[in-house]
Protein backbone atom coordinates (compact mmCIF):
# COMPACT_ATOMS: atom_id res chain seq x y z
CA MET A 1 -2.30 -6.00 -22.26
CA PRO A 2 -0.20 -7.35 -25.29
CA LEU A 3 3.11 -9.47 -24.44
CA LEU A 4 6.00 -7.16 -25.51
CA PRO A 5 4.43 -3.67 -23.69
CA ALA A 6 4.03 -6.12 -21.04
CA LEU A 7 7.14 -7.17 -20.81
CA LYS A 8 8.43 -4.01 -21.25
CA SER A 9 6.53 -2.49 -18.14
CA TYR A 10 8.08 -5.52 -16.18
CA LEU A 11 11.31 -5.46 -16.91
CA SER A 12 11.59 -1.34 -16.08
CA LEU A 13 13.23 -0.55 -13.16
CA LYS A 14 10.39 1.42 -12.06
CA SER A 15 8.33 -2.01 -11.94
CA PRO A 16 7.21 -3.27 -8.50
CA ALA A 17 7.66 -7.05 -10.14
CA LEU A 18 11.11 -6.16 -10.89
CA ARG A 19 12.20 -4.49 -7.78
CA ASN A 20 11.02 -7.38 -5.92
CA ALA A 21 12.58 -10.40 -8.03
CA GLY A 22 15.98 -8.62 -7.62
CA ARG A 23 15.34 -7.88 -4.11
CA LEU A 24 14.64 -11.54 -3.26
CA SER A 25 17.13 -12.88 -5.37
CA VAL A 26 19.92 -11.19 -3.61
CA MET A 27 18.58 -11.88 0.16
CA LEU A 28 18.35 -15.40 -0.87
CA SER A 29 22.27 -15.39 -1.91
CA VAL A 30 23.45 -13.51 0.94
CA ALA A 31 21.47 -16.11 3.56
CA SER A 32 22.62 -19.02 1.52
CA LEU A 33 26.41 -17.64 1.86
CA MET A 34 25.66 -17.27 5.70
CA GLY A 35 24.43 -20.47 6.51
CA THR A 36 27.74 -21.40 4.74
CA ALA A 37 30.10 -19.20 6.41
CA LEU A 38 28.55 -20.46 9.53
CA HIS A 39 28.36 -24.00 9.12
CA LEU A 40 24.95 -24.31 10.50
CA PRO A 41 23.04 -27.98 10.65
CA LYS A 42 20.11 -26.95 8.68
CA SER A 43 21.26 -23.43 6.95
CA TYR A 44 18.52 -23.75 4.31
CA TRP A 45 16.24 -22.90 7.46
CA ILE A 46 17.33 -19.29 6.86
CA LEU A 47 16.45 -19.58 3.11
CA MET A 48 12.94 -20.85 3.98
CA THR A 49 12.74 -17.75 6.26
CA VAL A 50 13.47 -15.23 4.12
CA LEU A 51 10.85 -16.40 1.82
CA LEU A 52 8.38 -16.65 4.29
CA VAL A 53 8.55 -13.53 6.11
CA THR A 54 9.28 -11.23 2.85
CA GLN A 55 6.18 -9.58 1.84
CA ASN A 56 4.78 -6.55 -0.65
CA GLY A 57 5.57 -3.34 1.46
CA TYR A 58 7.78 -2.38 4.67
CA GLY A 59 4.67 -2.73 6.94
CA ALA A 60 3.69 -6.03 5.70
CA THR A 61 7.26 -7.51 6.28
CA ARG A 62 7.64 -5.60 9.40
CA LEU A 63 4.65 -7.59 10.76
CA ARG A 64 5.56 -10.87 9.55
CA ILE A 65 8.86 -10.60 10.75
CA VAL A 66 7.90 -9.82 14.46
CA ASN A 67 4.83 -12.98 14.31
CA ARG A 68 7.53 -14.92 12.82
CA SER A 69 10.15 -14.29 15.24
CA VAL A 70 8.21 -14.30 18.47
CA GLY A 71 6.36 -17.29 16.99
CA THR A 72 9.12 -19.38 16.91
CA VAL A 73 10.56 -18.58 20.13
CA VAL A 74 7.33 -19.43 21.52
CA GLY A 75 6.86 -22.38 19.77
CA LEU A 76 10.94 -23.71 20.79
CA ILE A 77 10.47 -23.21 24.08
CA ILE A 78 7.27 -24.66 24.70
CA ALA A 79 9.04 -27.85 22.53
CA GLY A 80 11.91 -27.76 24.73
CA VAL A 81 9.70 -28.47 27.85
CA ALA A 82 7.84 -31.03 26.20
CA LEU A 83 10.93 -32.68 25.18
CA HIS A 84 12.30 -32.61 28.78
CA PHE A 85 8.94 -34.68 29.94
CA LYS A 86 9.44 -37.49 27.00
CA ILE A 87 6.12 -37.81 26.40
CA PRO A 88 5.21 -41.23 24.76
CA GLU A 89 5.52 -41.96 21.03
CA GLY A 90 1.50 -42.49 20.44
CA TYR A 91 0.51 -39.07 22.59
CA THR A 92 3.11 -37.21 20.42
CA LEU A 93 1.98 -38.25 16.95
CA THR A 94 -1.67 -37.37 18.26
CA LEU A 95 -0.43 -33.90 19.35
CA MET A 96 1.48 -33.15 16.63
CA LEU A 97 -1.54 -33.95 14.10
CA ILE A 98 -3.78 -31.55 16.10
CA THR A 99 -1.15 -28.72 16.18
CA THR A 100 -0.71 -28.90 12.61
CA LEU A 101 -4.48 -28.91 11.66
CA ALA A 102 -4.81 -26.00 13.72
CA SER A 103 -1.84 -24.08 12.80
CA TYR A 104 -2.97 -24.62 9.08
CA LEU A 105 -6.93 -23.54 10.29
CA ILE A 106 -5.54 -20.09 11.59
CA LEU A 107 -2.52 -19.44 9.55
CA ARG A 108 -4.02 -16.76 7.32
CA LYS A 109 -5.71 -14.76 10.59
CA ASN A 110 -3.04 -15.15 12.96
CA TYR A 111 0.08 -16.33 11.80
CA GLY A 112 1.89 -16.11 14.49
CA TRP A 113 0.28 -18.60 16.65
CA ALA A 114 0.75 -20.46 13.51
CA THR A 115 4.36 -20.36 13.35
CA VAL A 116 4.10 -21.58 17.14
CA GLY A 117 2.65 -24.73 15.91
CA PHE A 118 4.55 -25.24 13.29
CA THR A 119 7.52 -25.18 15.20
CA ILE A 120 6.59 -27.61 17.69
CA THR A 121 6.32 -30.05 15.02
CA ALA A 122 9.42 -29.24 13.13
CA VAL A 123 11.33 -29.87 16.31
CA TYR A 124 9.06 -32.87 17.21
CA THR A 125 9.73 -34.45 13.55
CA LEU A 126 13.45 -34.22 14.19
CA GLN A 127 13.32 -35.60 17.36
CA LEU A 128 10.92 -38.38 15.92
CA LEU A 129 13.37 -39.01 12.81
CA TRP A 130 16.82 -39.02 14.39
CA LEU A 131 16.15 -38.76 18.67
CA ASN A 132 18.00 -35.25 18.38
CA GLY A 133 15.54 -32.60 18.41
CA GLU A 134 16.75 -30.58 21.41
CA GLN A 135 19.95 -30.12 19.65
CA TYR A 136 17.97 -28.18 16.64
CA ILE A 137 16.57 -25.95 18.79
CA LEU A 138 19.43 -23.32 19.29
CA PRO A 139 19.83 -23.73 15.30
CA ARG A 140 16.72 -22.68 14.56
CA LEU A 141 16.22 -19.97 16.46
CA ILE A 142 19.52 -18.61 14.91
CA ASP A 143 18.46 -19.37 11.53
CA THR A 144 15.08 -17.58 11.98
CA ILE A 145 16.80 -14.44 13.09
CA ILE A 146 19.00 -13.93 10.88
CA GLY A 147 16.44 -14.64 7.81
CA CYS A 148 14.39 -12.19 9.60
CA LEU A 149 17.26 -9.80 9.43
CA ILE A 150 18.45 -10.53 5.95
CA ALA A 151 14.64 -10.15 5.13
CA PHE A 152 13.93 -6.35 7.39
CA GLY A 153 17.82 -5.34 5.93
CA GLY A 154 16.86 -6.50 2.13
CA THR A 155 13.32 -4.64 2.42
CA VAL A 156 14.70 -1.11 3.48
CA TRP A 157 17.72 -0.74 1.63
CA LEU A 158 17.24 -3.10 -1.77
CA TRP A 159 15.45 -0.70 -4.30
CA PRO A 160 12.99 -0.02 -1.50
CA GLN A 161 9.36 1.19 -2.96
CA TRP A 162 8.02 3.55 -0.24
CA GLN A 163 4.35 4.49 -0.19
CA SER A 164 5.71 8.09 1.29
CA GLY A 165 7.35 8.86 -1.86
CA LEU A 166 4.55 8.04 -3.79
CA LEU A 167 1.76 9.71 -2.37
CA ARG A 168 2.14 12.88 -4.50
CA LYS A 169 1.78 10.40 -7.56
CA ASN A 170 -1.34 8.68 -6.38
CA ALA A 171 -2.82 11.81 -5.40
CA HIS A 172 -2.58 13.35 -8.93
CA ASP A 173 -3.39 10.36 -10.55
CA ALA A 174 -6.51 10.25 -8.04
CA LEU A 175 -7.65 14.18 -9.17
CA GLU A 176 -6.79 12.98 -12.70
CA ALA A 177 -9.51 10.35 -12.22
CA TYR A 178 -12.01 12.67 -10.68
CA GLN A 179 -11.61 15.37 -13.41
CA ASP A 180 -12.28 12.57 -16.00
CA ALA A 181 -15.46 11.47 -14.37
CA ILE A 182 -16.91 14.94 -13.99
CA ARG A 183 -16.38 15.73 -17.20
CA LEU A 184 -17.97 12.59 -18.72
CA ILE A 185 -20.95 13.13 -15.84
CA LEU A 186 -21.56 16.83 -17.04
CA SER A 187 -21.28 16.08 -21.04
CA GLU A 188 -24.24 16.12 -23.36
CA ASP A 189 -25.34 12.39 -23.52
CA PRO A 190 -23.22 10.67 -20.50
CA GLN A 191 -24.11 6.69 -21.44
CA PRO A 192 -24.31 4.22 -18.45
CA THR A 193 -21.16 2.12 -19.35
CA PRO A 194 -18.44 5.00 -19.46
CA LEU A 195 -20.23 6.02 -16.27
CA ALA A 196 -19.60 2.88 -14.63
CA TRP A 197 -16.34 2.27 -16.11
CA GLN A 198 -15.16 6.21 -14.86
CA ARG A 199 -17.03 5.46 -11.67
CA MET A 200 -14.87 2.30 -10.73
CA ARG A 201 -11.83 4.22 -12.14
CA VAL A 202 -12.16 6.91 -9.26
CA ASN A 203 -12.91 4.47 -6.56
CA GLN A 204 -9.77 2.09 -7.66
CA ALA A 205 -7.76 5.58 -8.04
CA HIS A 206 -9.06 6.84 -4.06
CA ASN A 207 -8.37 3.08 -2.62
CA THR A 208 -4.64 3.15 -4.11
CA LEU A 209 -4.35 6.60 -2.33
CA TYR A 210 -5.94 5.47 0.69
CA ASN A 211 -3.65 2.25 1.18
CA SER A 212 -0.59 4.23 0.39
CA LEU A 213 -1.02 6.49 3.31
CA ASN A 214 -1.92 3.88 5.27
CA GLN A 215 1.34 1.99 4.87
CA ALA A 216 3.32 5.33 4.76
CA MET A 217 1.98 5.86 8.33
CA GLN A 218 4.06 2.48 9.40
CA GLU A 219 6.98 3.56 7.10
CA PRO A 220 10.28 5.01 9.27
CA ALA A 221 11.74 8.21 9.36
CA PHE A 222 9.10 10.20 7.63
CA ASN A 223 7.29 13.65 8.79
CA SER A 224 4.21 12.51 11.24
CA HIS A 225 2.99 16.28 10.35
CA TYR A 226 2.88 15.89 6.94
CA LEU A 227 1.06 12.89 7.13
CA ALA A 228 -1.09 14.32 9.46
CA ASP A 229 -2.28 16.67 6.87
CA MET A 230 -2.27 13.82 4.00
CA LYS A 231 -4.89 12.46 6.25
CA LEU A 232 -7.03 15.26 6.09
CA TRP A 233 -6.72 15.51 2.29
CA VAL A 234 -7.64 12.28 1.81
CA THR A 235 -10.90 12.32 4.04
CA HIS A 236 -11.73 15.69 1.66
CA SER A 237 -11.09 13.05 -1.29
CA GLN A 238 -13.33 10.52 0.03
CA PHE A 239 -15.79 13.10 0.11
CA ILE A 240 -15.29 13.74 -3.65
CA VAL A 241 -15.47 10.34 -4.09
CA GLU A 242 -19.18 10.00 -2.52
CA HIS A 243 -20.59 12.81 -4.45
CA ILE A 244 -19.16 11.40 -7.84
CA ASN A 245 -20.84 8.49 -6.95
CA ALA A 246 -23.94 10.20 -6.36
CA MET A 247 -23.84 12.36 -9.52
CA THR A 248 -23.37 9.33 -11.46
CA THR A 249 -26.55 8.08 -10.46
CA LEU A 250 -28.05 11.22 -11.40
CA ALA A 251 -26.58 11.63 -15.02
CA ARG A 252 -27.62 8.02 -15.25
CA GLU A 253 -31.17 9.05 -14.77
CA HIS A 254 -30.56 11.73 -16.92
CA ARG A 255 -31.22 14.19 -14.61
CA ALA A 256 -28.50 17.08 -16.36
CA LEU A 257 -27.98 20.57 -16.14
CA PRO A 258 -28.43 23.22 -18.70
CA PRO A 259 -25.63 22.81 -20.94
CA GLU A 260 -24.52 26.95 -20.36
CA LEU A 261 -24.67 25.90 -16.49
CA ALA A 262 -23.07 22.64 -16.91
CA GLN A 263 -20.20 24.12 -19.18
CA GLU A 264 -19.60 26.99 -15.99
CA TYR A 265 -19.44 24.06 -13.71
CA LEU A 266 -17.28 21.93 -15.52
CA GLN A 267 -14.74 24.80 -16.36
CA SER A 268 -14.98 25.81 -12.28
CA CYS A 269 -14.37 22.21 -10.82
CA GLU A 270 -11.26 21.57 -13.47
CA ILE A 271 -9.76 25.03 -12.47
CA ALA A 272 -9.97 23.51 -8.75
CA ILE A 273 -8.33 20.30 -9.50
CA GLN A 274 -5.93 21.78 -11.62
CA ARG A 275 -4.85 24.33 -8.90
CA CYS A 276 -4.70 21.02 -6.32
CA GLN A 277 -2.38 19.40 -9.26
CA GLN A 278 -0.52 22.77 -9.33
CA ARG A 279 0.70 22.62 -5.73
CA LEU A 280 1.67 18.64 -6.27
CA GLU A 281 3.88 19.28 -9.11
CA TYR A 282 5.51 22.36 -8.26
CA ASP A 283 7.99 21.32 -5.51
CA GLU A 284 10.91 23.81 -5.19
CA PRO A 285 10.83 26.76 -2.54
CA GLY A 286 9.99 29.80 -4.23
CA SER A 287 9.04 28.53 -7.53
CA SER A 288 6.32 29.17 -9.07
CA GLY A 289 4.39 26.67 -6.61
CA ASP A 290 4.08 29.61 -4.41
CA ALA A 291 2.18 31.58 -6.12
CA ASN A 292 -1.27 30.93 -7.58
CA ILE A 293 -1.04 30.04 -11.50
CA MET A 294 -4.93 30.32 -11.74
CA ASP A 295 -7.40 31.99 -9.25
CA ALA A 296 -9.72 30.00 -7.50
CA PRO A 297 -12.68 29.37 -8.78
CA GLU A 298 -15.96 31.61 -7.66
CA MET A 299 -19.43 30.55 -8.76
CA GLN A 300 -21.86 33.06 -8.95
CA PRO A 301 -25.50 31.95 -7.28
CA HIS A 302 -28.11 31.17 -9.76
CA GLU A 303 -31.88 32.07 -9.41
CA GLY A 304 -34.22 29.19 -7.92
CA ALA A 305 -33.08 26.62 -5.64
CA ALA A 306 -29.77 24.82 -6.59
CA GLY A 307 -30.89 20.89 -8.11
CA THR A 308 -29.05 17.80 -6.36
CA LEU A 309 -26.55 17.73 -8.89
CA GLU A 310 -25.71 21.67 -8.54
CA GLN A 311 -25.41 20.81 -4.93
CA HIS A 312 -22.96 18.17 -5.12
CA LEU A 313 -20.98 20.15 -7.86
CA GLN A 314 -20.60 23.20 -5.16
CA ARG A 315 -19.62 20.84 -2.47
CA VAL A 316 -17.17 18.80 -4.63
CA ILE A 317 -15.52 22.84 -5.70
CA GLY A 318 -15.73 23.48 -1.90
CA HIS A 319 -13.79 19.95 -0.92
CA LEU A 320 -11.02 21.01 -3.90
CA ASN A 321 -10.44 24.30 -2.51
CA THR A 322 -9.89 22.94 1.19
CA MET A 323 -7.80 20.49 -0.46
CA HIS A 324 -5.68 23.24 -2.39
CA THR A 325 -5.53 24.74 1.27
CA ILE A 326 -4.42 21.68 3.13
CA SER A 327 -1.92 20.91 0.51
CA SER A 328 -0.28 24.61 0.63
CA MET A 329 0.33 24.26 4.67
CA ALA A 330 1.68 20.71 4.80
CA TRP A 331 4.00 21.53 1.60
CA ARG A 332 6.31 23.20 4.21
CA GLN A 333 6.96 19.84 5.81
CA ARG A 334 6.93 17.96 2.70
CA PRO A 335 10.36 15.42 2.31
CA HIS A 336 13.43 16.66 0.72
CA HIS A 337 14.90 13.84 -0.78
CA GLY A 338 14.31 10.62 -3.10
CA ILE A 339 11.62 10.67 -5.36
CA TRP A 340 10.23 14.14 -3.94
CA LEU A 341 12.43 15.91 -5.81
CA SER A 342 11.10 14.82 -8.97
CA ARG A 343 8.29 16.46 -10.69
CA LYS A 344 7.46 14.14 -13.13
CA LEU A 345 4.25 12.76 -12.05
CA ARG A 346 2.20 11.84 -14.99
CA ASP A 347 2.98 8.36 -16.49
CA SER A 348 3.92 8.44 -20.24
CA LYS A 349 1.29 7.93 -22.64
CA ALA A 350 2.21 6.33 -26.25
């Protein structure tokens, strides 16, 4: 992306990068002010905790906060007990080396146990330097708790980007990618490179929708019945992706339908996709979203056994009709606040 458009997108209030930067700056400012106001001996531990536990998303941040707080408590208990027995310095240094090495080895896979090791090492480092490690056990605990609370509050209240609020847009984008892929597959002479590119876009759009649903199911105060219905919707979306992948392979092998039949299937698929998009865009009770703007496509059976490509297309249409039915039933349980009040689902194109 060119420099100026990239800067414009990053400086937009809709940019996740700008939201994260603003959120983190406010949280660090609050952490610094609280450390100064409470006169804690190591107040920078609060800022360090905020930086370490803040992640991209509510679910990841909550998990990191739990691991950090529990790991710190366990580490402080172990360090306090070990300091009470006054282990010789040589053994202490050896154990610190082993603990630090083990903590770094498991840092990515098990952050909680790594935090236990780092906490023990931090307390013993203070003990070796100033012989007063026990005095920093309680401040370390207080700083960690304050930092975790600030990070949690910032994630929830400072410009949150709830994935549950992005489900509609991600579902709409996935349907758009499916429509583009089917158009390309049913074109007169699909080329391998555009087919591969569009296939990648289809899988990326579905993965974005799938990840958004998984994160939404971990977010607080959201309608679990709606998410259960959306999970079924995403399952049918996965089936469509599998059919598109198979049809892409057939198109690369030049196993195409007759032009008239291909045009008939393309029209039916587009109608089915647009019916699903219609349900996503019209969100007011009693609006045109409660009625069908487009009738459901009805494919007439053709003479002879249907080819493999035609079978995939028939199944895609069947999944799309099922998705429309699911979304119609789930719509009564949708949220009535925030981003859900907006009908603008398509990205503006220059």
